[in-house]
Amino acid sequence: MLMSNTDRPARLHYMANGFRVLAPGDHVMCAVSGARVPLDELRYWSVGAQAAYASAEIASEALSPR
């Protein structure tokens, strides 16, 4: 029986121009809001923090110097 990756969070390694899937899944969780981000919609992340963000606004806020 094949295992489905539906409804499982993926574990990713974020790089400057993309990401590598370490553990299969269909989504990641936003590091700030906790929102579910489907992998095919993931556009914003931090290489240094190894964290995903749900939107440009959330990423900008999270990555701006305090």
PDB file of N, CA and C in Angstrom:
ATOM      1  N   MET A   1       0.836  -1.190   0.000  1.00  0.00           N
ATOM      2  CA  MET A   1       0.000   0.000   0.000  1.00  0.00           C
ATOM      3  C   MET A   1       0.875   1.246   0.000  1.00  0.00           C
ATOM      4  N   LEU A   2       0.583   2.182  -0.865  1.00  0.00           N
ATOM      5  CA  LEU A   2       1.338   3.419  -0.937  1.00  0.00           C
ATOM      6  C   LEU A   2       0.872   4.393   0.129  1.00  0.00           C
ATOM      7  N   MET A   3       1.833   5.093   0.686  1.00  0.00           N
ATOM      8  CA  MET A   3       1.501   6.106   1.698  1.00  0.00           C
ATOM      9  C   MET A   3       1.249   7.432   0.989  1.00  0.00           C
ATOM     10  N   SER A   4       0.250   8.137   1.414  1.00  0.00           N
ATOM     11  CA  SER A   4      -0.088   9.436   0.839  1.00  0.00           C
ATOM     12  C   SER A   4       0.539  10.544   1.681  1.00  0.00           C
ATOM     13  N   ASN A   5       0.992  11.593   1.017  1.00  0.00           N
ATOM     14  CA  ASN A   5       1.559  12.744   1.720  1.00  0.00           C
ATOM     15  C   ASN A   5       0.503  13.802   1.998  1.00  0.00           C
ATOM     16  N   THR A   6      -0.744  13.498   1.696  1.00  0.00           N
ATOM     17  CA  THR A   6      -1.826  14.438   1.920  1.00  0.00           C
ATOM     18  C   THR A   6      -2.033  14.638   3.408  1.00  0.00           C
ATOM     19  N   ASP A   7      -2.174  15.880   3.790  1.00  0.00           N
ATOM     20  CA  ASP A   7      -2.438  16.259   5.175  1.00  0.00           C
ATOM     21  C   ASP A   7      -1.287  15.942   6.121  1.00  0.00           C
ATOM     22  N   ARG A   8      -0.081  15.901   5.583  1.00  0.00           N
ATOM     23  CA  ARG A   8       1.118  15.720   6.406  1.00  0.00           C
ATOM     24  C   ARG A   8       2.028  16.919   6.214  1.00  0.00           C
ATOM     25  N   PRO A   9       2.576  17.470   7.288  1.00  0.00           N
ATOM     26  CA  PRO A   9       3.533  18.566   7.117  1.00  0.00           C
ATOM     27  C   PRO A   9       4.851  18.033   6.558  1.00  0.00           C
ATOM     28  N   ALA A  10       5.422  18.757   5.624  1.00  0.00           N
ATOM     29  CA  ALA A  10       6.728  18.417   5.071  1.00  0.00           C
ATOM     30  C   ALA A  10       7.813  19.014   5.961  1.00  0.00           C
ATOM     31  N   ARG A  11       8.979  18.419   5.924  1.00  0.00           N
ATOM     32  CA  ARG A  11      10.143  19.011   6.577  1.00  0.00           C
ATOM     33  C   ARG A  11      11.082  19.425   5.459  1.00  0.00           C
ATOM     34  N   LEU A  12      11.470  20.704   5.442  1.00  0.00           N
ATOM     35  CA  LEU A  12      12.252  21.255   4.344  1.00  0.00           C
ATOM     36  C   LEU A  12      13.569  21.840   4.831  1.00  0.00           C
ATOM     37  N   HIS A  13      14.543  21.890   3.924  1.00  0.00           N
ATOM     38  CA  HIS A  13      15.774  22.637   4.147  1.00  0.00           C
ATOM     39  C   HIS A  13      15.705  23.807   3.178  1.00  0.00           C
ATOM     40  N   TYR A  14      15.632  25.021   3.718  1.00  0.00           N
ATOM     41  CA  TYR A  14      15.480  26.223   2.902  1.00  0.00           C
ATOM     42  C   TYR A  14      16.844  26.709   2.422  1.00  0.00           C
ATOM     43  N   MET A  15      16.931  27.014   1.126  1.00  0.00           N
ATOM     44  CA  MET A  15      18.150  27.514   0.512  1.00  0.00           C
ATOM     45  C   MET A  15      17.825  28.841  -0.175  1.00  0.00           C
ATOM     46  N   ALA A  16      18.839  29.528  -0.659  1.00  0.00           N
ATOM     47  CA  ALA A  16      18.652  30.856  -1.245  1.00  0.00           C
ATOM     48  C   ALA A  16      17.689  30.852  -2.433  1.00  0.00           C
ATOM     49  N   ASN A  17      17.724  29.835  -3.249  1.00  0.00           N
ATOM     50  CA  ASN A  17      16.893  29.823  -4.458  1.00  0.00           C
ATOM     51  C   ASN A  17      15.865  28.705  -4.481  1.00  0.00           C
ATOM     52  N   GLY A  18      15.581  28.119  -3.348  1.00  0.00           N
ATOM     53  CA  GLY A  18      14.605  27.036  -3.309  1.00  0.00           C
ATOM     54  C   GLY A  18      14.694  26.290  -1.996  1.00  0.00           C
ATOM     55  N   PHE A  19      14.150  25.108  -2.000  1.00  0.00           N
ATOM     56  CA  PHE A  19      14.199  24.285  -0.795  1.00  0.00           C
ATOM     57  C   PHE A  19      14.318  22.827  -1.189  1.00  0.00           C
ATOM     58  N   ARG A  20      14.840  22.033  -0.262  1.00  0.00           N
ATOM     59  CA  ARG A  20      14.985  20.599  -0.454  1.00  0.00           C
ATOM     60  C   ARG A  20      14.039  19.912   0.523  1.00  0.00           C
ATOM     61  N   VAL A  21      13.312  18.925   0.047  1.00  0.00           N
ATOM     62  CA  VAL A  21      12.382  18.189   0.887  1.00  0.00           C
ATOM     63  C   VAL A  21      13.155  17.132   1.669  1.00  0.00           C
ATOM     64  N   LEU A  22      13.130  17.235   2.989  1.00  0.00           N
ATOM     65  CA  LEU A  22      13.789  16.266   3.865  1.00  0.00           C
ATOM     66  C   LEU A  22      12.833  15.167   4.295  1.00  0.00           C
ATOM     67  N   ALA A  23      11.568  15.529   4.476  1.00  0.00           N
ATOM     68  CA  ALA A  23      10.520  14.562   4.811  1.00  0.00           C
ATOM     69  C   ALA A  23       9.281  14.967   4.017  1.00  0.00           C
ATOM     70  N   PRO A  24       8.724  14.046   3.245  1.00  0.00           N
ATOM     71  CA  PRO A  24       7.603  14.393   2.370  1.00  0.00           C
ATOM     72  C   PRO A  24       6.354  14.827   3.127  1.00  0.00           C
ATOM     73  N   GLY A  25       5.606  15.697   2.485  1.00  0.00           N
ATOM     74  CA  GLY A  25       4.344  16.189   3.009  1.00  0.00           C
ATOM     75  C   GLY A  25       3.741  17.124   1.989  1.00  0.00           C
ATOM     76  N   ASP A  26       2.588  17.682   2.297  1.00  0.00           N
ATOM     77  CA  ASP A  26       1.937  18.559   1.328  1.00  0.00           C
ATOM     78  C   ASP A  26       1.898  20.018   1.762  1.00  0.00           C
ATOM     79  N   HIS A  27       2.419  20.329   2.957  1.00  0.00           N
ATOM     80  CA  HIS A  27       2.388  21.705   3.442  1.00  0.00           C
ATOM     81  C   HIS A  27       3.472  21.927   4.498  1.00  0.00           C
ATOM     82  N   VAL A  28       3.680  23.201   4.841  1.00  0.00           N
ATOM     83  CA  VAL A  28       4.495  23.600   5.986  1.00  0.00           C
ATOM     84  C   VAL A  28       3.662  24.583   6.797  1.00  0.00           C
ATOM     85  N   MET A  29       4.099  24.871   7.988  1.00  0.00           N
ATOM     86  CA  MET A  29       3.386  25.814   8.840  1.00  0.00           C
ATOM     87  C   MET A  29       4.154  27.137   8.875  1.00  0.00           C
ATOM     88  N   CYS A  30       3.432  28.241   8.793  1.00  0.00           N
ATOM     89  CA  CYS A  30       4.043  29.563   8.887  1.00  0.00           C
ATOM     90  C   CYS A  30       4.637  29.727  10.287  1.00  0.00           C
ATOM     91  N   ALA A  31       5.890  30.187  10.338  1.00  0.00           N
ATOM     92  CA  ALA A  31       6.589  30.341  11.614  1.00  0.00           C
ATOM     93  C   ALA A  31       5.976  31.419  12.498  1.00  0.00           C
ATOM     94  N   VAL A  32       5.262  32.375  11.924  1.00  0.00           N
ATOM     95  CA  VAL A  32       4.689  33.477  12.703  1.00  0.00           C
ATOM     96  C   VAL A  32       3.216  33.240  13.001  1.00  0.00           C
ATOM     97  N   SER A  33       2.433  32.993  11.964  1.00  0.00           N
ATOM     98  CA  SER A  33       0.978  32.906  12.141  1.00  0.00           C
ATOM     99  C   SER A  33       0.474  31.500  12.425  1.00  0.00           C
ATOM    100  N   GLY A  34       1.286  30.492  12.115  1.00  0.00           N
ATOM    101  CA  GLY A  34       0.836  29.115  12.284  1.00  0.00           C
ATOM    102  C   GLY A  34      -0.080  28.645  11.159  1.00  0.00           C
ATOM    103  N   ALA A  35      -0.251  29.484  10.127  1.00  0.00           N
ATOM    104  CA  ALA A  35      -1.114  29.121   8.996  1.00  0.00           C
ATOM    105  C   ALA A  35      -0.476  27.999   8.189  1.00  0.00           C
ATOM    106  N   ARG A  36      -1.310  27.174   7.650  1.00  0.00           N
ATOM    107  CA  ARG A  36      -0.869  26.073   6.797  1.00  0.00           C
ATOM    108  C   ARG A  36      -0.564  26.629   5.395  1.00  0.00           C
ATOM    109  N   VAL A  37       0.633  26.347   4.877  1.00  0.00           N
ATOM    110  CA  VAL A  37       1.056  26.840   3.563  1.00  0.00           C
ATOM    111  C   VAL A  37       1.322  25.634   2.661  1.00  0.00           C
ATOM    112  N   PRO A  38       0.470  25.401   1.663  1.00  0.00           N
ATOM    113  CA  PRO A  38       0.717  24.293   0.729  1.00  0.00           C
ATOM    114  C   PRO A  38       2.063  24.489   0.033  1.00  0.00           C
ATOM    115  N   LEU A  39       2.799  23.405  -0.203  1.00  0.00           N
ATOM    116  CA  LEU A  39       4.121  23.525  -0.807  1.00  0.00           C
ATOM    117  C   LEU A  39       4.087  24.220  -2.160  1.00  0.00           C
ATOM    118  N   ASP A  40       3.037  23.986  -2.933  1.00  0.00           N
ATOM    119  CA  ASP A  40       2.981  24.628  -4.251  1.00  0.00           C
ATOM    120  C   ASP A  40       2.686  26.125  -4.167  1.00  0.00           C
ATOM    121  N   GLU A  41       2.367  26.628  -2.986  1.00  0.00           N
ATOM    122  CA  GLU A  41       2.127  28.055  -2.781  1.00  0.00           C
ATOM    123  C   GLU A  41       3.213  28.721  -1.935  1.00  0.00           C
ATOM    124  N   LEU A  42       4.198  27.950  -1.484  1.00  0.00           N
ATOM    125  CA  LEU A  42       5.255  28.479  -0.623  1.00  0.00           C
ATOM    126  C   LEU A  42       6.181  29.389  -1.427  1.00  0.00           C
ATOM    127  N   ARG A  43       6.263  30.645  -1.050  1.00  0.00           N
ATOM    128  CA  ARG A  43       7.093  31.633  -1.753  1.00  0.00           C
ATOM    129  C   ARG A  43       8.043  32.382  -0.826  1.00  0.00           C
ATOM    130  N   TYR A  44       7.803  32.340   0.478  1.00  0.00           N
ATOM    131  CA  TYR A  44       8.568  33.169   1.407  1.00  0.00           C
ATOM    132  C   TYR A  44       9.143  32.316   2.535  1.00  0.00           C
ATOM    133  N   TRP A  45      10.467  32.435   2.734  1.00  0.00           N
ATOM    134  CA  TRP A  45      11.131  31.716   3.813  1.00  0.00           C
ATOM    135  C   TRP A  45      12.417  32.418   4.178  1.00  0.00           C
ATOM    136  N   SER A  46      12.986  32.016   5.291  1.00  0.00           N
ATOM    137  CA  SER A  46      14.267  32.543   5.757  1.00  0.00           C
ATOM    138  C   SER A  46      15.285  31.412   5.763  1.00  0.00           C
ATOM    139  N   VAL A  47      16.393  31.616   5.050  1.00  0.00           N
ATOM    140  CA  VAL A  47      17.458  30.617   5.032  1.00  0.00           C
ATOM    141  C   VAL A  47      18.105  30.546   6.413  1.00  0.00           C
ATOM    142  N   GLY A  48      18.395  31.701   7.005  1.00  0.00           N
ATOM    143  CA  GLY A  48      19.054  31.743   8.308  1.00  0.00           C
ATOM    144  C   GLY A  48      18.229  31.124   9.420  1.00  0.00           C
ATOM    145  N   ALA A  49      16.948  31.450   9.434  1.00  0.00           N
ATOM    146  CA  ALA A  49      16.064  30.940  10.481  1.00  0.00           C
ATOM    147  C   ALA A  49      15.487  29.565  10.123  1.00  0.00           C
ATOM    148  N   GLN A  50      15.639  29.147   8.855  1.00  0.00           N
ATOM    149  CA  GLN A  50      15.047  27.899   8.373  1.00  0.00           C
ATOM    150  C   GLN A  50      13.566  27.862   8.736  1.00  0.00           C
ATOM    151  N   ALA A  51      12.864  28.933   8.332  1.00  0.00           N
ATOM    152  CA  ALA A  51      11.447  29.091   8.666  1.00  0.00           C
ATOM    153  C   ALA A  51      10.664  29.537   7.444  1.00  0.00           C
ATOM    154  N   ALA A  52       9.424  29.096   7.358  1.00  0.00           N
ATOM    155  CA  ALA A  52       8.523  29.463   6.267  1.00  0.00           C
ATOM    156  C   ALA A  52       7.564  30.551   6.741  1.00  0.00           C
ATOM    157  N   TYR A  53       7.111  31.365   5.780  1.00  0.00           N
ATOM    158  CA  TYR A  53       6.161  32.431   6.081  1.00  0.00           C
ATOM    159  C   TYR A  53       5.001  32.373   5.096  1.00  0.00           C
ATOM    160  N   ALA A  54       3.817  32.687   5.554  1.00  0.00           N
ATOM    161  CA  ALA A  54       2.601  32.561   4.752  1.00  0.00           C
ATOM    162  C   ALA A  54       2.436  33.674   3.721  1.00  0.00           C
ATOM    163  N   SER A  55       3.030  34.836   3.947  1.00  0.00           N
ATOM    164  CA  SER A  55       2.851  35.959   3.017  1.00  0.00           C
ATOM    165  C   SER A  55       4.073  36.860   3.043  1.00  0.00           C
ATOM    166  N   ALA A  56       4.147  37.744   2.052  1.00  0.00           N
ATOM    167  CA  ALA A  56       5.242  38.718   1.989  1.00  0.00           C
ATOM    168  C   ALA A  56       5.207  39.648   3.199  1.00  0.00           C
ATOM    169  N   GLU A  57       4.016  40.042   3.610  1.00  0.00           N
ATOM    170  CA  GLU A  57       3.888  40.948   4.758  1.00  0.00           C
ATOM    171  C   GLU A  57       4.415  40.298   6.031  1.00  0.00           C
ATOM    172  N   ILE A  58       4.051  39.049   6.247  1.00  0.00           N
ATOM    173  CA  ILE A  58       4.513  38.334   7.446  1.00  0.00           C
ATOM    174  C   ILE A  58       6.018  38.149   7.397  1.00  0.00           C
ATOM    175  N   ALA A  59       6.555  37.786   6.231  1.00  0.00           N
ATOM    176  CA  ALA A  59       8.003  37.603   6.090  1.00  0.00           C
ATOM    177  C   ALA A  59       8.742  38.909   6.343  1.00  0.00           C
ATOM    178  N   SER A  60       8.252  40.006   5.781  1.00  0.00           N
ATOM    179  CA  SER A  60       8.902  41.309   5.979  1.00  0.00           C
ATOM    180  C   SER A  60       8.926  41.700   7.443  1.00  0.00           C
ATOM    181  N   GLU A  61       7.803  41.490   8.109  1.00  0.00           N
ATOM    182  CA  GLU A  61       7.727  41.819   9.544  1.00  0.00           C
ATOM    183  C   GLU A  61       8.677  40.936  10.351  1.00  0.00           C
ATOM    184  N   ALA A  62       8.692  39.669  10.050  1.00  0.00           N
ATOM    185  CA  ALA A  62       9.537  38.744  10.814  1.00  0.00           C
ATOM    186  C   ALA A  62      11.023  38.979  10.581  1.00  0.00           C
ATOM    187  N   LEU A  63      11.383  39.398   9.375  1.00  0.00           N
ATOM    188  CA  LEU A  63      12.777  39.552   9.017  1.00  0.00           C
ATOM    189  C   LEU A  63      13.328  40.954   9.194  1.00  0.00           C
ATOM    190  N   SER A  64      12.456  41.906   9.539  1.00  0.00           N
ATOM    191  CA  SER A  64      12.929  43.283   9.721  1.00  0.00           C
ATOM    192  C   SER A  64      13.685  43.408  11.048  1.00  0.00           C
ATOM    193  N   PRO A  65      14.756  44.214  11.048  1.00  0.00           N
ATOM    194  CA  PRO A  65      15.517  44.411  12.290  1.00  0.00           C
ATOM    195  C   PRO A  65      14.662  45.128  13.321  1.00  0.00           C
ATOM    196  N   ARG A  66      14.817  44.773  14.514  1.00  0.00           N
ATOM    197  CA  ARG A  66      14.038  45.377  15.620  1.00  0.00           C
ATOM    198  C   ARG A  66      14.769  46.528  16.219  1.00  0.00           C
TER     199      ARG A  66
END
